PDB file of all heavy atoms in Angstrom:
ATOM      1  N   VAL A   1     -11.036  12.016  33.210  1.00  0.00           N
ATOM      2  CA  VAL A   1     -10.264  10.824  33.426  1.00  0.00           C
ATOM      3  C   VAL A   1      -9.451  10.543  32.133  1.00  0.00           C
ATOM      4  O   VAL A   1     -10.012  10.393  31.062  1.00  0.00           O
ATOM      5  CB  VAL A   1     -11.181   9.590  33.760  1.00  0.00           C
ATOM      6  CG1 VAL A   1     -10.339   8.334  33.975  1.00  0.00           C
ATOM      7  CG2 VAL A   1     -11.993   9.912  34.995  1.00  0.00           C
ATOM      8  N   VAL A   2      -8.110  10.464  32.303  1.00  0.00           N
ATOM      9  CA  VAL A   2      -7.260  10.262  31.131  1.00  0.00           C
ATOM     10  C   VAL A   2      -6.770   8.845  31.066  1.00  0.00           C
ATOM     11  O   VAL A   2      -6.032   8.361  31.919  1.00  0.00           O
ATOM     12  CB  VAL A   2      -6.034  11.245  31.242  1.00  0.00           C
ATOM     13  CG1 VAL A   2      -5.110  11.008  30.035  1.00  0.00           C
ATOM     14  CG2 VAL A   2      -6.503  12.666  31.265  1.00  0.00           C
ATOM     15  N   VAL A   3      -7.209   8.104  30.057  1.00  0.00           N
ATOM     16  CA  VAL A   3      -6.901   6.695  29.870  1.00  0.00           C
ATOM     17  C   VAL A   3      -5.406   6.511  29.745  1.00  0.00           C
ATOM     18  O   VAL A   3      -4.804   5.527  30.218  1.00  0.00           O
ATOM     19  CB  VAL A   3      -7.692   6.121  28.696  1.00  0.00           C
ATOM     20  CG1 VAL A   3      -7.226   4.689  28.365  1.00  0.00           C
ATOM     21  CG2 VAL A   3      -9.192   6.167  28.971  1.00  0.00           C
ATOM     22  N   ASP A   4      -4.755   7.429  29.025  1.00  0.00           N
ATOM     23  CA  ASP A   4      -3.327   7.348  28.751  1.00  0.00           C
ATOM     24  C   ASP A   4      -2.430   7.456  30.006  1.00  0.00           C
ATOM     25  O   ASP A   4      -1.238   7.198  29.997  1.00  0.00           O
ATOM     26  CB  ASP A   4      -2.882   8.393  27.727  1.00  0.00           C
ATOM     27  CG  ASP A   4      -1.652   7.945  26.933  1.00  0.00           C
ATOM     28  OD1 ASP A   4      -0.738   7.448  27.520  1.00  0.00           O
ATOM     29  OD2 ASP A   4      -1.637   8.114  25.705  1.00  0.00           O
ATOM     30  N   MET A   5      -3.052   7.860  31.138  1.00  0.00           N
ATOM     31  CA  MET A   5      -2.286   7.881  32.400  1.00  0.00           C
ATOM     32  C   MET A   5      -2.243   6.528  33.067  1.00  0.00           C
ATOM     33  O   MET A   5      -1.621   6.389  34.106  1.00  0.00           O
ATOM     34  CB  MET A   5      -2.884   8.945  33.312  1.00  0.00           C
ATOM     35  CG  MET A   5      -2.715  10.386  32.814  1.00  0.00           C
ATOM     36  SD  MET A   5      -3.555  11.639  33.789  1.00  0.00           S
ATOM     37  CE  MET A   5      -2.577  11.598  35.308  1.00  0.00           C
ATOM     38  N   SER A   6      -2.894   5.545  32.456  1.00  0.00           N
ATOM     39  CA  SER A   6      -2.832   4.185  32.978  1.00  0.00           C
ATOM     40  C   SER A   6      -1.794   3.407  32.277  1.00  0.00           C
ATOM     41  O   SER A   6      -1.595   3.583  31.075  1.00  0.00           O
ATOM     42  CB  SER A   6      -4.202   3.491  32.759  1.00  0.00           C
ATOM     43  OG  SER A   6      -4.079   2.112  32.950  1.00  0.00           O
ATOM     44  N   ASP A   7      -1.094   2.545  32.975  1.00  0.00           N
ATOM     45  CA  ASP A   7      -0.051   1.697  32.343  1.00  0.00           C
ATOM     46  C   ASP A   7      -0.663   0.765  31.283  1.00  0.00           C
ATOM     47  O   ASP A   7       0.008   0.314  30.387  1.00  0.00           O
ATOM     48  CB  ASP A   7       0.667   0.878  33.384  1.00  0.00           C
ATOM     49  CG  ASP A   7       1.556   1.730  34.342  1.00  0.00           C
ATOM     50  OD1 ASP A   7       1.893   2.854  33.932  1.00  0.00           O
ATOM     51  OD2 ASP A   7       1.815   1.274  35.461  1.00  0.00           O
ATOM     52  N   LEU A   8      -1.975   0.468  31.454  1.00  0.00           N
ATOM     53  CA  LEU A   8      -2.607  -0.412  30.459  1.00  0.00           C
ATOM     54  C   LEU A   8      -2.553   0.183  29.040  1.00  0.00           C
ATOM     55  O   LEU A   8      -2.538  -0.593  28.061  1.00  0.00           O
ATOM     56  CB  LEU A   8      -4.090  -0.621  30.826  1.00  0.00           C
ATOM     57  CG  LEU A   8      -4.377  -1.656  31.884  1.00  0.00           C
ATOM     58  CD1 LEU A   8      -5.846  -1.569  32.330  1.00  0.00           C
ATOM     59  CD2 LEU A   8      -4.113  -3.077  31.330  1.00  0.00           C
ATOM     60  N   LYS A   9      -2.471   1.469  28.913  1.00  0.00           N
ATOM     61  CA  LYS A   9      -2.438   2.067  27.588  1.00  0.00           C
ATOM     62  C   LYS A   9      -1.220   1.681  26.804  1.00  0.00           C
ATOM     63  O   LYS A   9      -1.177   1.712  25.594  1.00  0.00           O
ATOM     64  CB  LYS A   9      -2.523   3.619  27.711  1.00  0.00           C
ATOM     65  CG  LYS A   9      -2.688   4.389  26.382  1.00  0.00           C
ATOM     66  CD  LYS A   9      -4.050   4.143  25.749  1.00  0.00           C
ATOM     67  CE  LYS A   9      -4.400   5.185  24.733  1.00  0.00           C
ATOM     68  NZ  LYS A   9      -3.526   5.367  23.630  1.00  0.00           N
ATOM     69  N   LEU A  10      -0.147   1.269  27.554  1.00  0.00           N
ATOM     70  CA  LEU A  10       1.097   0.919  26.919  1.00  0.00           C
ATOM     71  C   LEU A  10       0.929  -0.347  26.107  1.00  0.00           C
ATOM     72  O   LEU A  10       1.741  -0.631  25.181  1.00  0.00           O
ATOM     73  CB  LEU A  10       2.224   0.689  27.964  1.00  0.00           C
ATOM     74  CG  LEU A  10       2.571   1.887  28.813  1.00  0.00           C
ATOM     75  CD1 LEU A  10       3.635   1.577  29.869  1.00  0.00           C
ATOM     76  CD2 LEU A  10       3.034   3.052  27.911  1.00  0.00           C
ATOM     77  N   LEU A  11      -0.082  -1.163  26.422  1.00  0.00           N
ATOM     78  CA  LEU A  11      -0.327  -2.350  25.575  1.00  0.00           C
ATOM     79  C   LEU A  11      -0.556  -1.936  24.132  1.00  0.00           C
ATOM     80  O   LEU A  11      -0.104  -2.625  23.199  1.00  0.00           O
ATOM     81  CB  LEU A  11      -1.560  -3.125  26.081  1.00  0.00           C
ATOM     82  CG  LEU A  11      -1.262  -4.025  27.290  1.00  0.00           C
ATOM     83  CD1 LEU A  11      -2.633  -4.557  27.854  1.00  0.00           C
ATOM     84  CD2 LEU A  11      -0.392  -5.227  26.867  1.00  0.00           C
ATOM     85  N   GLU A  12      -1.293  -0.843  23.968  1.00  0.00           N
ATOM     86  CA  GLU A  12      -1.538  -0.366  22.597  1.00  0.00           C
ATOM     87  C   GLU A  12      -0.368   0.466  22.042  1.00  0.00           C
ATOM     88  O   GLU A  12       0.125   0.131  20.947  1.00  0.00           O
ATOM     89  CB  GLU A  12      -2.797   0.581  22.613  1.00  0.00           C
ATOM     90  CG  GLU A  12      -3.016   1.296  21.328  1.00  0.00           C
ATOM     91  CD  GLU A  12      -3.964   2.471  21.444  1.00  0.00           C
ATOM     92  OE1 GLU A  12      -4.592   2.632  22.462  1.00  0.00           O
ATOM     93  OE2 GLU A  12      -4.073   3.231  20.465  1.00  0.00           O
ATOM     94  N   THR A  13       0.109   1.448  22.837  1.00  0.00           N
ATOM     95  CA  THR A  13       1.071   2.405  22.264  1.00  0.00           C
ATOM     96  C   THR A  13       2.467   1.782  22.045  1.00  0.00           C
ATOM     97  O   THR A  13       3.172   2.228  21.154  1.00  0.00           O
ATOM     98  CB  THR A  13       1.146   3.656  23.155  1.00  0.00           C
ATOM     99  OG1 THR A  13       1.480   3.231  24.493  1.00  0.00           O
ATOM    100  CG2 THR A  13      -0.118   4.432  23.176  1.00  0.00           C
ATOM    101  N   ILE A  14       2.837   0.828  22.838  1.00  0.00           N
ATOM    102  CA  ILE A  14       4.119   0.172  22.696  1.00  0.00           C
ATOM    103  C   ILE A  14       3.972  -1.149  21.939  1.00  0.00           C
ATOM    104  O   ILE A  14       4.451  -1.289  20.787  1.00  0.00           O
ATOM    105  CB  ILE A  14       4.818  -0.117  24.016  1.00  0.00           C
ATOM    106  CG1 ILE A  14       5.212   1.194  24.707  1.00  0.00           C
ATOM    107  CG2 ILE A  14       6.026  -0.956  23.866  1.00  0.00           C
ATOM    108  CD1 ILE A  14       5.880   1.080  26.076  1.00  0.00           C
ATOM    109  N   PHE A  15       3.253  -2.078  22.500  1.00  0.00           N
ATOM    110  CA  PHE A  15       3.266  -3.445  21.943  1.00  0.00           C
ATOM    111  C   PHE A  15       2.381  -3.605  20.749  1.00  0.00           C
ATOM    112  O   PHE A  15       2.692  -4.325  19.797  1.00  0.00           O
ATOM    113  CB  PHE A  15       2.932  -4.425  23.116  1.00  0.00           C
ATOM    114  CG  PHE A  15       3.803  -4.319  24.253  1.00  0.00           C
ATOM    115  CD1 PHE A  15       3.472  -3.643  25.380  1.00  0.00           C
ATOM    116  CD2 PHE A  15       5.145  -4.831  24.167  1.00  0.00           C
ATOM    117  CE1 PHE A  15       4.346  -3.482  26.453  1.00  0.00           C
ATOM    118  CE2 PHE A  15       5.991  -4.688  25.215  1.00  0.00           C
ATOM    119  CZ  PHE A  15       5.593  -4.063  26.342  1.00  0.00           C
ATOM    120  N   GLY A  16       1.213  -2.954  20.732  1.00  0.00           N
ATOM    121  CA  GLY A  16       0.341  -3.021  19.550  1.00  0.00           C
ATOM    122  C   GLY A  16       0.966  -2.351  18.372  1.00  0.00           C
ATOM    123  O   GLY A  16       0.893  -2.864  17.225  1.00  0.00           O
ATOM    124  N   THR A  17       1.687  -1.248  18.603  1.00  0.00           N
ATOM    125  CA  THR A  17       2.353  -0.493  17.531  1.00  0.00           C
ATOM    126  C   THR A  17       3.519  -1.340  17.004  1.00  0.00           C
ATOM    127  O   THR A  17       3.707  -1.416  15.734  1.00  0.00           O
ATOM    128  CB  THR A  17       2.774   0.865  18.000  1.00  0.00           C
ATOM    129  OG1 THR A  17       1.698   1.567  18.550  1.00  0.00           O
ATOM    130  CG2 THR A  17       3.392   1.650  16.863  1.00  0.00           C
ATOM    131  N   GLY A  18       4.329  -1.917  17.851  1.00  0.00           N
ATOM    132  CA  GLY A  18       5.432  -2.742  17.407  1.00  0.00           C
ATOM    133  C   GLY A  18       4.997  -3.915  16.596  1.00  0.00           C
ATOM    134  O   GLY A  18       5.568  -4.227  15.544  1.00  0.00           O
ATOM    135  N   ASP A  19       3.914  -4.583  17.042  1.00  0.00           N
ATOM    136  CA  ASP A  19       3.331  -5.716  16.305  1.00  0.00           C
ATOM    137  C   ASP A  19       2.855  -5.200  14.928  1.00  0.00           C
ATOM    138  O   ASP A  19       3.067  -5.953  13.948  1.00  0.00           O
ATOM    139  CB  ASP A  19       2.185  -6.296  17.115  1.00  0.00           C
ATOM    140  CG  ASP A  19       1.343  -7.258  16.308  1.00  0.00           C
ATOM    141  OD1 ASP A  19       1.792  -8.396  16.091  1.00  0.00           O
ATOM    142  OD2 ASP A  19       0.227  -6.860  15.907  1.00  0.00           O
ATOM    143  N   SER A  20       2.265  -4.067  14.856  1.00  0.00           N
ATOM    144  CA  SER A  20       1.650  -3.605  13.615  1.00  0.00           C
ATOM    145  C   SER A  20       2.756  -3.284  12.579  1.00  0.00           C
ATOM    146  O   SER A  20       2.557  -3.408  11.358  1.00  0.00           O
ATOM    147  CB  SER A  20       0.796  -2.360  13.862  1.00  0.00           C
ATOM    148  OG  SER A  20       1.563  -1.249  14.172  1.00  0.00           O
ATOM    149  N   TYR A  21       3.962  -2.859  13.062  1.00  0.00           N
ATOM    150  CA  TYR A  21       5.037  -2.554  12.129  1.00  0.00           C
ATOM    151  C   TYR A  21       5.379  -3.846  11.353  1.00  0.00           C
ATOM    152  O   TYR A  21       5.526  -3.798  10.082  1.00  0.00           O
ATOM    153  CB  TYR A  21       6.240  -2.041  12.868  1.00  0.00           C
ATOM    154  CG  TYR A  21       7.544  -2.007  12.028  1.00  0.00           C
ATOM    155  CD1 TYR A  21       7.708  -1.119  11.066  1.00  0.00           C
ATOM    156  CD2 TYR A  21       8.550  -2.969  12.297  1.00  0.00           C
ATOM    157  CE1 TYR A  21       8.877  -1.082  10.260  1.00  0.00           C
ATOM    158  CE2 TYR A  21       9.697  -2.928  11.539  1.00  0.00           C
ATOM    159  CZ  TYR A  21       9.884  -1.996  10.560  1.00  0.00           C
ATOM    160  OH  TYR A  21      11.029  -1.961   9.776  1.00  0.00           O
ATOM    161  N   PHE A  22       5.574  -4.898  12.046  1.00  0.00           N
ATOM    162  CA  PHE A  22       5.972  -6.203  11.335  1.00  0.00           C
ATOM    163  C   PHE A  22       4.840  -6.755  10.562  1.00  0.00           C
ATOM    164  O   PHE A  22       5.016  -7.328   9.469  1.00  0.00           O
ATOM    165  CB  PHE A  22       6.491  -7.198  12.366  1.00  0.00           C
ATOM    166  CG  PHE A  22       7.951  -6.878  12.826  1.00  0.00           C
ATOM    167  CD1 PHE A  22       8.147  -6.210  14.017  1.00  0.00           C
ATOM    168  CD2 PHE A  22       8.994  -7.191  12.023  1.00  0.00           C
ATOM    169  CE1 PHE A  22       9.432  -5.905  14.406  1.00  0.00           C
ATOM    170  CE2 PHE A  22      10.272  -6.891  12.365  1.00  0.00           C
ATOM    171  CZ  PHE A  22      10.545  -6.230  13.598  1.00  0.00           C
ATOM    172  N   ARG A  23       3.584  -6.599  11.028  1.00  0.00           N
ATOM    173  CA  ARG A  23       2.433  -7.038  10.218  1.00  0.00           C
ATOM    174  C   ARG A  23       2.349  -6.276   8.911  1.00  0.00           C
ATOM    175  O   ARG A  23       2.021  -6.832   7.887  1.00  0.00           O
ATOM    176  CB  ARG A  23       1.134  -6.932  11.038  1.00  0.00           C
ATOM    177  CG  ARG A  23       0.971  -7.939  12.126  1.00  0.00           C
ATOM    178  CD  ARG A  23      -0.436  -8.013  12.687  1.00  0.00           C
ATOM    179  NE  ARG A  23      -0.813  -6.723  13.303  1.00  0.00           N
ATOM    180  CZ  ARG A  23      -1.761  -5.972  12.816  1.00  0.00           C
ATOM    181  NH1 ARG A  23      -2.415  -6.238  11.693  1.00  0.00           N
ATOM    182  NH2 ARG A  23      -2.084  -4.825  13.482  1.00  0.00           N
ATOM    183  N   ALA A  24       2.674  -4.949   8.993  1.00  0.00           N
ATOM    184  CA  ALA A  24       2.645  -4.143   7.759  1.00  0.00           C
ATOM    185  C   ALA A  24       3.682  -4.590   6.767  1.00  0.00           C
ATOM    186  O   ALA A  24       3.419  -4.668   5.523  1.00  0.00           O
ATOM    187  CB  ALA A  24       2.812  -2.696   8.144  1.00  0.00           C
ATOM    188  N   LEU A  25       4.869  -4.923   7.248  1.00  0.00           N
ATOM    189  CA  LEU A  25       5.925  -5.409   6.361  1.00  0.00           C
ATOM    190  C   LEU A  25       5.492  -6.715   5.684  1.00  0.00           C
ATOM    191  O   LEU A  25       5.720  -6.959   4.489  1.00  0.00           O
ATOM    192  CB  LEU A  25       7.242  -5.576   7.075  1.00  0.00           C
ATOM    193  CG  LEU A  25       7.933  -4.348   7.693  1.00  0.00           C
ATOM    194  CD1 LEU A  25       9.339  -4.651   8.100  1.00  0.00           C
ATOM    195  CD2 LEU A  25       7.905  -3.178   6.704  1.00  0.00           C
ATOM    196  N   GLU A  26       4.903  -7.588   6.481  1.00  0.00           N
ATOM    197  CA  GLU A  26       4.422  -8.845   5.926  1.00  0.00           C
ATOM    198  C   GLU A  26       3.341  -8.583   4.887  1.00  0.00           C
ATOM    199  O   GLU A  26       3.327  -9.251   3.835  1.00  0.00           O
ATOM    200  CB  GLU A  26       3.886  -9.711   7.051  1.00  0.00           C
ATOM    201  CG  GLU A  26       4.935 -10.219   8.024  1.00  0.00           C
ATOM    202  CD  GLU A  26       4.359 -10.814   9.314  1.00  0.00           C
ATOM    203  OE1 GLU A  26       3.101 -10.940   9.360  1.00  0.00           O
ATOM    204  OE2 GLU A  26       5.105 -11.085  10.255  1.00  0.00           O
ATOM    205  N   TYR A  27       2.428  -7.673   5.171  1.00  0.00           N
ATOM    206  CA  TYR A  27       1.350  -7.345   4.214  1.00  0.00           C
ATOM    207  C   TYR A  27       1.915  -6.828   2.925  1.00  0.00           C
ATOM    208  O   TYR A  27       1.399  -7.104   1.780  1.00  0.00           O
ATOM    209  CB  TYR A  27       0.461  -6.304   4.827  1.00  0.00           C
ATOM    210  CG  TYR A  27      -0.665  -5.792   3.926  1.00  0.00           C
ATOM    211  CD1 TYR A  27      -1.826  -6.466   3.808  1.00  0.00           C
ATOM    212  CD2 TYR A  27      -0.488  -4.623   3.173  1.00  0.00           C
ATOM    213  CE1 TYR A  27      -2.905  -6.017   2.975  1.00  0.00           C
ATOM    214  CE2 TYR A  27      -1.510  -4.169   2.359  1.00  0.00           C
ATOM    215  CZ  TYR A  27      -2.690  -4.873   2.311  1.00  0.00           C
ATOM    216  OH  TYR A  27      -3.671  -4.411   1.449  1.00  0.00           O
ATOM    217  N   LEU A  28       3.050  -6.104   2.975  1.00  0.00           N
ATOM    218  CA  LEU A  28       3.709  -5.542   1.828  1.00  0.00           C
ATOM    219  C   LEU A  28       4.728  -6.489   1.175  1.00  0.00           C
ATOM    220  O   LEU A  28       5.477  -6.148   0.256  1.00  0.00           O
ATOM    221  CB  LEU A  28       4.399  -4.206   2.165  1.00  0.00           C
ATOM    222  CG  LEU A  28       3.464  -3.067   2.594  1.00  0.00           C
ATOM    223  CD1 LEU A  28       4.250  -1.914   3.146  1.00  0.00           C
ATOM    224  CD2 LEU A  28       2.639  -2.615   1.377  1.00  0.00           C
ATOM    225  N   ASP A  29       4.751  -7.735   1.655  1.00  0.00           N
ATOM    226  CA  ASP A  29       5.663  -8.747   1.118  1.00  0.00           C
ATOM    227  C   ASP A  29       7.135  -8.360   1.263  1.00  0.00           C
ATOM    228  O   ASP A  29       7.952  -8.713   0.415  1.00  0.00           O
ATOM    229  CB  ASP A  29       5.342  -9.085  -0.337  1.00  0.00           C
ATOM    230  CG  ASP A  29       4.005  -9.780  -0.502  1.00  0.00           C
ATOM    231  OD1 ASP A  29       3.619 -10.529   0.396  1.00  0.00           O
ATOM    232  OD2 ASP A  29       3.334  -9.539  -1.504  1.00  0.00           O
ATOM    233  N   VAL A  30       7.435  -7.643   2.350  1.00  0.00           N
ATOM    234  CA  VAL A  30       8.814  -7.306   2.630  1.00  0.00           C
ATOM    235  C   VAL A  30       9.384  -8.369   3.584  1.00  0.00           C
ATOM    236  O   VAL A  30       8.769  -8.681   4.600  1.00  0.00           O
ATOM    237  CB  VAL A  30       8.892  -5.922   3.294  1.00  0.00           C
ATOM    238  CG1 VAL A  30      10.335  -5.632   3.754  1.00  0.00           C
ATOM    239  CG2 VAL A  30       8.386  -4.858   2.374  1.00  0.00           C
ATOM    240  N   ASP A  31      10.490  -8.913   3.225  1.00  0.00           N
ATOM    241  CA  ASP A  31      11.156  -9.935   4.045  1.00  0.00           C
ATOM    242  C   ASP A  31      11.780  -9.233   5.274  1.00  0.00           C
ATOM    243  O   ASP A  31      12.846  -8.549   5.153  1.00  0.00           O
ATOM    244  CB  ASP A  31      12.221 -10.668   3.271  1.00  0.00           C
ATOM    245  CG  ASP A  31      12.939 -11.720   4.099  1.00  0.00           C
ATOM    246  OD1 ASP A  31      12.454 -12.019   5.255  1.00  0.00           O
ATOM    247  OD2 ASP A  31      13.924 -12.284   3.638  1.00  0.00           O
ATOM    248  N   ALA A  32      11.156  -9.357   6.410  1.00  0.00           N
ATOM    249  CA  ALA A  32      11.670  -8.710   7.623  1.00  0.00           C
ATOM    250  C   ALA A  32      12.242  -9.743   8.560  1.00  0.00           C
ATOM    251  O   ALA A  32      12.396  -9.439   9.798  1.00  0.00           O
ATOM    252  CB  ALA A  32      10.538  -7.933   8.295  1.00  0.00           C
ATOM    253  N   THR A  33      12.531 -10.923   8.070  1.00  0.00           N
ATOM    254  CA  THR A  33      13.040 -11.962   9.024  1.00  0.00           C
ATOM    255  C   THR A  33      14.521 -11.800   9.308  1.00  0.00           C
ATOM    256  O   THR A  33      15.008 -12.355  10.270  1.00  0.00           O
ATOM    257  CB  THR A  33      12.787 -13.357   8.393  1.00  0.00           C
ATOM    258  OG1 THR A  33      13.397 -13.435   7.115  1.00  0.00           O
ATOM    259  CG2 THR A  33      11.297 -13.611   8.252  1.00  0.00           C
ATOM    260  N   ASP A  34      15.243 -11.064   8.424  1.00  0.00           N
ATOM    261  CA  ASP A  34      16.647 -10.824   8.687  1.00  0.00           C
ATOM    262  C   ASP A  34      16.877  -9.497   9.366  1.00  0.00           C
ATOM    263  O   ASP A  34      16.082  -8.596   9.284  1.00  0.00           O
ATOM    264  CB  ASP A  34      17.404 -10.811   7.298  1.00  0.00           C
ATOM    265  CG  ASP A  34      17.467 -12.185   6.673  1.00  0.00           C
ATOM    266  OD1 ASP A  34      17.391 -13.162   7.413  1.00  0.00           O
ATOM    267  OD2 ASP A  34      17.527 -12.224   5.422  1.00  0.00           O
ATOM    268  N   GLY A  35      18.007  -9.441  10.067  1.00  0.00           N
ATOM    269  CA  GLY A  35      18.362  -8.192  10.749  1.00  0.00           C
ATOM    270  C   GLY A  35      19.685  -7.703  10.231  1.00  0.00           C
ATOM    271  O   GLY A  35      20.263  -8.301   9.325  1.00  0.00           O
TER     272      GLY A  35
END
């Protein structure tokens, strides 16, 4: 049974990863509020 074949896995691979990118910048004191 492959968990990654479920759409639920996208919560981690898409949204959890995107969230972690900005949390990492905040942790490193990088101003990521501007685009």
